[in-house]
Amino acid sequence: MEALLKIRKATDKVLNIAIVALFLVMFGVTTVNVFMRFVLNSPLSFAVELGRYTFAAIVYLGSILVMRDDGHIGLEIIVDMLPGKLHKIVKAATRVLVLVYLCVFCFESGRMVMTNWANRSSTMQIPMSVVYIFMVIGSLGMFIEELLLLLGVNKPHTDVIEEGGGM
């Protein structure tokens, strides 16, 4: 369990740094492009493409952290009304279905990476596989987090705001 905590801590650090770095690139290039476009009337040709790709990467990397906290959209209001044993069965069955979906998504994303290595983006001319690899990383990370939730190794983190304004 100690090793898992160390891996989790390292993974958190890498994910957080990557997400912040990608956000700063996205924000920076968009801000500079707005200035270039509206003040100097000379937009950056790559800005929209880079902004789109960094945003997609942020979404896929961030989805791992959301999965860890069991924060993705669900119909919990209905499931929570079920009696104890049935609630656990439905929750576990739902997690298994999500795992199956993530397996398919990861496999198909991997195929996209492999088949698009020679294809280049229209403006920046980077291999499209570089863009699609974030789908593989995100789906694989979500799969691991969902599996840990199913096995009960990872307990979802919930912030509860108590009376008096404290967390």
Protein backbone atom coordinates (compact mmCIF):
# COMPACT_ATOMS: atom_id res chain seq x y z
CA MET A 1 0.00 0.00 0.00
CA GLU A 2 2.92 2.33 0.75
CA ALA A 3 4.25 1.81 -2.79
CA LEU A 4 0.84 2.67 -4.22
CA LEU A 5 0.79 5.91 -2.25
CA LYS A 6 4.24 6.86 -3.56
CA ILE A 7 3.16 6.11 -7.13
CA ARG A 8 -0.04 8.10 -6.58
CA LYS A 9 1.91 11.08 -5.21
CA ALA A 10 4.35 11.03 -8.15
CA THR A 11 1.52 10.64 -10.65
CA ASP A 12 -0.37 13.55 -9.08
CA LYS A 13 2.70 15.74 -9.32
CA VAL A 14 3.33 14.86 -12.98
CA LEU A 15 -0.34 15.32 -13.92
CA ASN A 16 -0.63 18.63 -12.10
CA ILE A 17 2.57 20.00 -13.62
CA ALA A 18 1.53 18.85 -17.10
CA ILE A 19 -1.96 20.32 -16.79
CA VAL A 20 -0.66 23.66 -15.49
CA ALA A 21 2.02 23.81 -18.20
CA LEU A 22 -0.51 23.00 -20.93
CA PHE A 23 -2.91 25.59 -19.53
CA LEU A 24 -0.20 28.26 -19.48
CA VAL A 25 0.71 27.46 -23.09
CA MET A 26 -2.96 27.56 -24.13
CA PHE A 27 -3.64 30.79 -22.24
CA GLY A 28 -0.41 32.41 -23.40
CA VAL A 29 -0.75 31.61 -27.08
CA THR A 30 -4.43 32.63 -27.08
CA THR A 31 -3.66 35.92 -25.34
CA VAL A 32 -0.78 36.72 -27.70
CA ASN A 33 -2.93 35.77 -30.68
CA VAL A 34 -5.75 38.09 -29.57
CA PHE A 35 -3.22 40.94 -29.30
CA MET A 36 -1.66 40.08 -32.65
CA ARG A 37 -5.01 39.76 -34.38
CA PHE A 38 -6.83 42.82 -33.05
CA VAL A 39 -4.00 45.25 -32.34
CA LEU A 40 -1.39 44.42 -34.98
CA ASN A 41 -3.80 42.86 -37.50
CA SER A 42 -1.38 39.93 -37.93
CA PRO A 43 -2.66 36.77 -36.20
CA LEU A 44 -0.41 33.82 -35.40
CA SER A 45 -1.11 31.07 -37.90
CA PHE A 46 -0.60 28.24 -35.40
CA ALA A 47 -2.39 29.72 -32.38
CA VAL A 48 -5.86 28.25 -32.89
CA GLU A 49 -4.49 24.80 -33.60
CA LEU A 50 -2.13 24.85 -30.62
CA GLY A 51 -4.90 26.15 -28.36
CA ARG A 52 -7.24 23.39 -29.49
CA TYR A 53 -4.66 20.63 -28.96
CA THR A 54 -3.57 21.87 -25.55
CA PHE A 55 -7.20 22.15 -24.45
CA ALA A 56 -7.89 18.56 -25.53
CA ALA A 57 -4.79 17.36 -23.67
CA ILE A 58 -5.92 19.19 -20.52
CA VAL A 59 -9.33 17.53 -20.74
CA TYR A 60 -7.92 14.01 -21.09
CA LEU A 61 -5.30 14.43 -18.36
CA GLY A 62 -7.77 16.14 -16.04
CA SER A 63 -10.29 13.34 -16.55
CA ILE A 64 -7.89 11.02 -14.73
CA LEU A 65 -8.03 13.21 -11.63
CA VAL A 66 -11.81 13.48 -11.87
CA MET A 67 -12.11 9.70 -12.14
CA ARG A 68 -9.91 9.32 -9.06
CA ASP A 69 -12.38 11.42 -7.09
CA ASP A 70 -15.35 9.56 -8.64
CA GLY A 71 -16.49 12.92 -9.95
CA HIS A 72 -17.72 12.09 -13.45
CA ILE A 73 -21.37 12.64 -14.26
CA GLY A 74 -23.65 9.84 -13.14
CA LEU A 75 -27.20 9.10 -12.05
CA GLU A 76 -26.25 8.79 -8.41
CA ILE A 77 -29.56 10.18 -7.21
CA ILE A 78 -31.29 7.06 -8.55
CA VAL A 79 -28.59 4.59 -7.48
CA ASP A 80 -28.41 6.11 -3.99
CA MET A 81 -32.12 5.38 -3.47
CA LEU A 82 -31.54 1.64 -3.85
CA PRO A 83 -31.30 -0.56 -0.75
CA GLY A 84 -27.81 -1.48 0.57
CA LYS A 85 -26.97 -4.72 -1.23
CA LEU A 86 -28.67 -3.73 -4.49
CA HIS A 87 -26.89 -0.36 -4.33
CA LYS A 88 -23.51 -2.11 -4.12
CA ILE A 89 -24.36 -4.48 -6.98
CA VAL A 90 -25.54 -1.69 -9.30
CA LYS A 91 -22.52 0.47 -8.38
CA ALA A 92 -20.12 -2.43 -9.10
CA ALA A 93 -21.91 -3.33 -12.36
CA THR A 94 -21.70 0.29 -13.45
CA ARG A 95 -17.98 0.38 -12.71
CA VAL A 96 -17.47 -2.82 -14.75
CA LEU A 97 -19.35 -1.27 -17.70
CA VAL A 98 -17.20 1.85 -17.45
CA LEU A 99 -14.07 -0.34 -17.42
CA VAL A 100 -15.24 -2.16 -20.56
CA TYR A 101 -15.92 1.17 -22.28
CA LEU A 102 -12.49 2.50 -21.27
CA CYS A 103 -10.82 -0.65 -22.63
CA VAL A 104 -12.50 -0.14 -25.99
CA PHE A 105 -11.74 3.59 -25.94
CA CYS A 106 -8.08 2.99 -25.08
CA PHE A 107 -7.71 0.33 -27.76
CA GLU A 108 -9.34 2.48 -30.46
CA SER A 109 -7.33 5.53 -29.37
CA GLY A 110 -4.19 3.44 -29.67
CA ARG A 111 -5.22 2.48 -33.19
CA MET A 112 -5.68 6.17 -34.02
CA VAL A 113 -2.18 6.88 -32.73
CA MET A 114 -0.67 4.10 -34.83
CA THR A 115 -2.56 4.88 -38.05
CA ASN A 116 -2.01 8.65 -37.91
CA TRP A 117 1.72 8.79 -37.32
CA ALA A 118 2.36 9.95 -40.89
CA ASN A 119 -0.53 12.43 -40.92
CA ARG A 120 0.47 15.94 -39.95
CA SER A 121 -1.58 18.76 -38.47
CA SER A 122 -2.56 21.42 -40.97
CA THR A 123 -0.68 24.38 -39.52
CA MET A 124 2.00 23.21 -37.10
CA GLN A 125 2.84 20.08 -39.12
CA ILE A 126 3.20 17.87 -36.03
CA PRO A 127 2.23 14.20 -36.27
CA MET A 128 -1.43 13.80 -35.34
CA SER A 129 -0.36 10.85 -33.20
CA VAL A 130 1.16 13.35 -30.76
CA VAL A 131 -2.30 14.86 -30.36
CA TYR A 132 -4.10 11.51 -30.12
CA ILE A 133 -1.70 10.07 -27.54
CA PHE A 134 -3.45 12.11 -24.86
CA MET A 135 -6.60 10.07 -25.52
CA VAL A 136 -4.64 6.89 -24.78
CA ILE A 137 -3.05 8.36 -21.64
CA GLY A 138 -6.41 9.68 -20.41
CA SER A 139 -8.34 6.48 -21.03
CA LEU A 140 -5.59 4.32 -19.52
CA GLY A 141 -5.37 6.57 -16.46
CA MET A 142 -9.15 6.56 -16.04
CA PHE A 143 -9.19 2.78 -16.39
CA ILE A 144 -6.64 2.41 -13.60
CA GLU A 145 -8.53 4.82 -11.34
CA GLU A 146 -11.88 3.13 -12.01
CA LEU A 147 -10.36 -0.28 -11.33
CA LEU A 148 -8.95 0.98 -8.03
CA LEU A 149 -12.39 2.35 -7.12
CA LEU A 150 -14.02 -0.99 -8.01
CA LEU A 151 -11.50 -2.92 -5.91
CA GLY A 152 -11.97 -0.52 -3.02
CA VAL A 153 -8.29 0.43 -2.99
CA ASN A 154 -9.07 4.05 -3.79
CA LYS A 155 -11.76 5.81 -1.83
CA PRO A 156 -13.33 8.76 -3.65
CA HIS A 157 -12.25 12.11 -2.24
CA THR A 158 -15.18 14.32 -1.36
CA ASP A 159 -14.96 17.84 -0.08
CA VAL A 160 -17.77 18.47 2.35
CA ILE A 161 -18.41 22.03 3.37
CA GLU A 162 -19.47 22.01 6.98
CA GLU A 163 -21.55 24.65 8.71
CA GLY A 164 -19.52 27.66 9.60
CA GLY A 165 -17.75 27.79 6.22
CA GLY A 166 -14.88 25.40 6.98
CA MET A 167 -13.89 22.50 4.82
